Amino acid sequence: MIQLLMGIAAVLLLFVSYYLLRKQPIFFVLIEETEKNRRFLQFYGAIYSFLGILGIFVAFFNHRFIALAYLVLVILVASVFSITFARKMVKPDSN
């Protein structure tokens, strides 16, 4: 059961990385379209794709410590991305 859930999480990460890498105009509705923001989305898209591929391997190992360490890493990266993305959404003149 844990392996199935880890596999689903890995596929979800790969899906999100696809959108971050290939469907960037969707995100530019929320943030300004600059080269810096393009690199930001590409950076996290690459990290998410790496974590998705890593998650597939972690699901096959079926070792509790490795799975928990992987989940902590995914949660950490996702929270940093979310906080940084939310800061980019704030307009500079809204103070």
N, C-alpha and C. Protein backbone atom coordinates (compact mmCIF):
# COMPACT_ATOMS: atom_id res chain seq x y z
N MET A 1 0.82 -1.19 0.00
CA MET A 1 0.00 0.00 0.00
C MET A 1 0.87 1.26 0.00
N ILE A 2 1.91 1.25 0.81
CA ILE A 2 2.82 2.40 0.88
C ILE A 2 3.49 2.60 -0.47
N GLN A 3 3.86 1.54 -1.12
CA GLN A 3 4.51 1.64 -2.43
C GLN A 3 3.58 2.29 -3.45
N LEU A 4 2.32 1.94 -3.41
CA LEU A 4 1.35 2.52 -4.31
C LEU A 4 1.22 4.03 -4.07
N LEU A 5 1.12 4.42 -2.81
CA LEU A 5 1.00 5.84 -2.49
C LEU A 5 2.26 6.62 -2.86
N MET A 6 3.42 6.02 -2.68
CA MET A 6 4.67 6.68 -3.07
C MET A 6 4.72 6.82 -4.59
N GLY A 7 4.25 5.82 -5.30
CA GLY A 7 4.20 5.89 -6.75
C GLY A 7 3.25 6.98 -7.24
N ILE A 8 2.10 7.11 -6.58
CA ILE A 8 1.15 8.15 -6.94
C ILE A 8 1.76 9.53 -6.68
N ALA A 9 2.44 9.69 -5.54
CA ALA A 9 3.09 10.96 -5.23
C ALA A 9 4.17 11.29 -6.25
N ALA A 10 4.91 10.29 -6.70
CA ALA A 10 5.95 10.51 -7.70
C ALA A 10 5.35 10.93 -9.04
N VAL A 11 4.26 10.30 -9.43
CA VAL A 11 3.61 10.67 -10.69
C VAL A 11 3.03 12.09 -10.58
N LEU A 12 2.50 12.45 -9.44
CA LEU A 12 1.99 13.79 -9.23
C LEU A 12 3.10 14.83 -9.32
N LEU A 13 4.26 14.52 -8.76
CA LEU A 13 5.41 15.42 -8.87
C LEU A 13 5.85 15.57 -10.32
N LEU A 14 5.84 14.50 -11.07
CA LEU A 14 6.21 14.59 -12.49
C LEU A 14 5.19 15.42 -13.26
N PHE A 15 3.93 15.30 -12.91
CA PHE A 15 2.88 16.09 -13.54
C PHE A 15 3.08 17.58 -13.26
N VAL A 16 3.36 17.92 -12.01
CA VAL A 16 3.60 19.32 -11.64
C VAL A 16 4.86 19.85 -12.32
N SER A 17 5.90 19.02 -12.41
CA SER A 17 7.13 19.47 -13.07
C SER A 17 6.88 19.73 -14.55
N TYR A 18 6.04 18.94 -15.18
CA TYR A 18 5.69 19.18 -16.58
C TYR A 18 5.06 20.57 -16.74
N TYR A 19 4.14 20.90 -15.86
CA TYR A 19 3.51 22.21 -15.94
C TYR A 19 4.50 23.33 -15.65
N LEU A 20 5.40 23.13 -14.71
CA LEU A 20 6.39 24.16 -14.41
C LEU A 20 7.38 24.36 -15.55
N LEU A 21 7.69 23.30 -16.26
CA LEU A 21 8.68 23.40 -17.33
C LEU A 21 8.05 23.77 -18.68
N ARG A 22 6.90 23.23 -19.00
CA ARG A 22 6.34 23.38 -20.36
C ARG A 22 5.14 24.31 -20.45
N LYS A 23 4.42 24.49 -19.39
CA LYS A 23 3.19 25.29 -19.42
C LYS A 23 3.33 26.54 -18.55
N GLN A 24 4.42 27.26 -18.71
CA GLN A 24 4.70 28.41 -17.86
C GLN A 24 3.71 29.56 -18.01
N PRO A 25 3.12 29.81 -19.18
CA PRO A 25 2.15 30.92 -19.27
C PRO A 25 0.99 30.83 -18.28
N ILE A 26 0.67 29.63 -17.84
CA ILE A 26 -0.39 29.47 -16.84
C ILE A 26 -0.01 30.19 -15.55
N PHE A 27 1.26 30.14 -15.18
CA PHE A 27 1.72 30.76 -13.95
C PHE A 27 1.92 32.26 -14.09
N PHE A 28 2.13 32.73 -15.32
CA PHE A 28 2.36 34.15 -15.52
C PHE A 28 1.09 34.96 -15.42
N VAL A 29 -0.04 34.31 -15.23
CA VAL A 29 -1.26 35.02 -14.90
C VAL A 29 -1.16 35.54 -13.46
N LEU A 30 -0.43 34.80 -12.63
CA LEU A 30 -0.32 35.14 -11.22
C LEU A 30 0.93 35.96 -10.88
N ILE A 31 2.01 35.76 -11.63
CA ILE A 31 3.24 36.49 -11.38
C ILE A 31 3.67 37.19 -12.66
N GLU A 32 4.56 38.16 -12.49
CA GLU A 32 5.04 38.93 -13.63
C GLU A 32 5.91 38.06 -14.54
N GLU A 33 5.76 38.24 -15.84
CA GLU A 33 6.53 37.45 -16.80
C GLU A 33 7.89 38.12 -17.05
N THR A 34 8.88 37.68 -16.29
CA THR A 34 10.25 38.16 -16.45
C THR A 34 11.17 36.96 -16.62
N GLU A 35 12.38 37.24 -17.04
CA GLU A 35 13.37 36.16 -17.19
C GLU A 35 13.69 35.52 -15.84
N LYS A 36 13.73 36.32 -14.80
CA LYS A 36 14.00 35.80 -13.45
C LYS A 36 12.90 34.82 -13.02
N ASN A 37 11.65 35.16 -13.29
CA ASN A 37 10.55 34.26 -12.93
C ASN A 37 10.53 33.02 -13.81
N ARG A 38 10.94 33.14 -15.07
CA ARG A 38 11.06 31.96 -15.94
C ARG A 38 12.09 30.98 -15.37
N ARG A 39 13.25 31.53 -14.97
CA ARG A 39 14.29 30.68 -14.39
C ARG A 39 13.82 30.06 -13.07
N PHE A 40 13.05 30.81 -12.28
CA PHE A 40 12.49 30.30 -11.04
C PHE A 40 11.60 29.08 -11.30
N LEU A 41 10.70 29.19 -12.28
CA LEU A 41 9.80 28.08 -12.61
C LEU A 41 10.57 26.89 -13.19
N GLN A 42 11.57 27.17 -14.02
CA GLN A 42 12.37 26.09 -14.59
C GLN A 42 13.19 25.38 -13.52
N PHE A 43 13.71 26.13 -12.58
CA PHE A 43 14.50 25.54 -11.49
C PHE A 43 13.65 24.57 -10.67
N TYR A 44 12.49 25.04 -10.25
CA TYR A 44 11.63 24.16 -9.44
C TYR A 44 11.01 23.04 -10.27
N GLY A 45 10.80 23.27 -11.55
CA GLY A 45 10.34 22.19 -12.42
C GLY A 45 11.36 21.08 -12.52
N ALA A 46 12.64 21.46 -12.62
CA ALA A 46 13.70 20.45 -12.67
C ALA A 46 13.81 19.71 -11.34
N ILE A 47 13.69 20.44 -10.23
CA ILE A 47 13.76 19.78 -8.91
C ILE A 47 12.58 18.82 -8.74
N TYR A 48 11.39 19.25 -9.13
CA TYR A 48 10.22 18.37 -9.00
C TYR A 48 10.34 17.13 -9.89
N SER A 49 10.89 17.29 -11.09
CA SER A 49 11.05 16.11 -11.94
C SER A 49 12.09 15.16 -11.35
N PHE A 50 13.16 15.71 -10.78
CA PHE A 50 14.15 14.86 -10.11
C PHE A 50 13.51 14.13 -8.93
N LEU A 51 12.73 14.85 -8.14
CA LEU A 51 12.08 14.21 -6.99
C LEU A 51 11.04 13.18 -7.43
N GLY A 52 10.38 13.41 -8.55
CA GLY A 52 9.43 12.43 -9.07
C GLY A 52 10.11 11.14 -9.50
N ILE A 53 11.23 11.29 -10.22
CA ILE A 53 11.99 10.10 -10.63
C ILE A 53 12.56 9.39 -9.42
N LEU A 54 13.07 10.17 -8.47
CA LEU A 54 13.61 9.58 -7.24
C LEU A 54 12.50 8.85 -6.46
N GLY A 55 11.30 9.40 -6.49
CA GLY A 55 10.18 8.77 -5.79
C GLY A 55 9.82 7.41 -6.36
N ILE A 56 9.97 7.24 -7.65
CA ILE A 56 9.71 5.93 -8.25
C ILE A 56 10.70 4.90 -7.73
N PHE A 57 11.97 5.31 -7.63
CA PHE A 57 12.97 4.39 -7.08
C PHE A 57 12.74 4.12 -5.59
N VAL A 58 12.35 5.14 -4.85
CA VAL A 58 12.08 4.97 -3.42
C VAL A 58 10.92 4.01 -3.21
N ALA A 59 9.92 4.05 -4.07
CA ALA A 59 8.78 3.15 -3.95
C ALA A 59 9.20 1.70 -4.12
N PHE A 60 10.21 1.44 -4.96
CA PHE A 60 10.66 0.07 -5.16
C PHE A 60 11.53 -0.44 -4.03
N PHE A 61 12.22 0.46 -3.32
CA PHE A 61 13.08 0.02 -2.22
C PHE A 61 12.27 -0.52 -1.05
N ASN A 62 11.11 0.08 -0.79
CA ASN A 62 10.23 -0.36 0.28
C ASN A 62 10.94 -0.38 1.63
N HIS A 63 11.69 0.68 1.92
CA HIS A 63 12.38 0.83 3.19
C HIS A 63 11.79 2.06 3.89
N ARG A 64 11.36 1.89 5.13
CA ARG A 64 10.61 2.92 5.83
C ARG A 64 11.43 4.20 6.01
N PHE A 65 12.69 4.10 6.43
CA PHE A 65 13.50 5.30 6.68
C PHE A 65 13.74 6.09 5.39
N ILE A 66 14.03 5.39 4.31
CA ILE A 66 14.26 6.07 3.03
C ILE A 66 12.97 6.77 2.57
N ALA A 67 11.85 6.11 2.75
CA ALA A 67 10.57 6.70 2.34
C ALA A 67 10.25 7.95 3.17
N LEU A 68 10.49 7.88 4.47
CA LEU A 68 10.22 9.04 5.31
C LEU A 68 11.17 10.20 5.00
N ALA A 69 12.43 9.89 4.76
CA ALA A 69 13.39 10.94 4.39
C ALA A 69 12.99 11.58 3.06
N TYR A 70 12.54 10.78 2.13
CA TYR A 70 12.08 11.29 0.85
C TYR A 70 10.86 12.20 1.04
N LEU A 71 9.91 11.79 1.84
CA LEU A 71 8.72 12.60 2.07
C LEU A 71 9.06 13.93 2.75
N VAL A 72 9.98 13.90 3.69
CA VAL A 72 10.42 15.14 4.34
C VAL A 72 11.07 16.07 3.32
N LEU A 73 11.88 15.52 2.44
CA LEU A 73 12.52 16.33 1.40
C LEU A 73 11.50 16.94 0.45
N VAL A 74 10.52 16.16 0.05
CA VAL A 74 9.47 16.66 -0.85
C VAL A 74 8.67 17.77 -0.16
N ILE A 75 8.32 17.57 1.09
CA ILE A 75 7.55 18.58 1.82
C ILE A 75 8.37 19.86 1.99
N LEU A 76 9.64 19.72 2.26
CA LEU A 76 10.52 20.89 2.41
C LEU A 76 10.61 21.68 1.11
N VAL A 77 10.85 20.99 0.00
CA VAL A 77 10.96 21.66 -1.30
C VAL A 77 9.62 22.30 -1.68
N ALA A 78 8.53 21.61 -1.45
CA ALA A 78 7.22 22.15 -1.79
C ALA A 78 6.88 23.39 -0.96
N SER A 79 7.25 23.38 0.30
CA SER A 79 6.96 24.54 1.14
C SER A 79 7.82 25.74 0.74
N VAL A 80 9.08 25.51 0.41
CA VAL A 80 9.94 26.61 -0.03
C VAL A 80 9.41 27.18 -1.34
N PHE A 81 9.01 26.31 -2.27
CA PHE A 81 8.43 26.77 -3.53
C PHE A 81 7.17 27.58 -3.29
N SER A 82 6.30 27.09 -2.44
CA SER A 82 5.02 27.77 -2.20
C SER A 82 5.22 29.14 -1.57
N ILE A 83 6.09 29.23 -0.60
CA ILE A 83 6.34 30.52 0.06
C ILE A 83 6.98 31.50 -0.91
N THR A 84 7.95 31.04 -1.69
CA THR A 84 8.60 31.92 -2.66
C THR A 84 7.64 32.35 -3.75
N PHE A 85 6.81 31.44 -4.23
CA PHE A 85 5.83 31.77 -5.25
C PHE A 85 4.81 32.78 -4.71
N ALA A 86 4.38 32.60 -3.47
CA ALA A 86 3.42 33.52 -2.87
C ALA A 86 4.03 34.91 -2.73
N ARG A 87 5.30 35.00 -2.40
CA ARG A 87 5.95 36.32 -2.31
C ARG A 87 6.03 36.99 -3.67
N LYS A 88 6.20 36.20 -4.72
CA LYS A 88 6.25 36.77 -6.07
C LYS A 88 4.89 37.25 -6.53
N MET A 89 3.82 36.72 -5.95
CA MET A 89 2.48 37.11 -6.34
C MET A 89 2.09 38.47 -5.76
N VAL A 90 2.73 38.90 -4.70
CA VAL A 90 2.41 40.17 -4.07
C VAL A 90 2.89 41.30 -4.96
N LYS A 91 2.00 42.22 -5.25
CA LYS A 91 2.36 43.37 -6.09
C LYS A 91 3.18 44.37 -5.27
N PRO A 92 4.23 44.96 -5.86
CA PRO A 92 5.06 45.91 -5.12
C PRO A 92 4.32 47.17 -4.69
N ASP A 93 3.30 47.59 -5.41
CA ASP A 93 2.59 48.82 -5.06
C ASP A 93 1.40 48.59 -4.14
N SER A 94 1.24 47.39 -3.59
CA SER A 94 0.10 47.08 -2.74
C SER A 94 0.36 47.40 -1.27
N ASN A 95 1.49 48.00 -0.93
CA ASN A 95 1.79 48.34 0.47
C ASN A 95 1.08 49.56 0.91
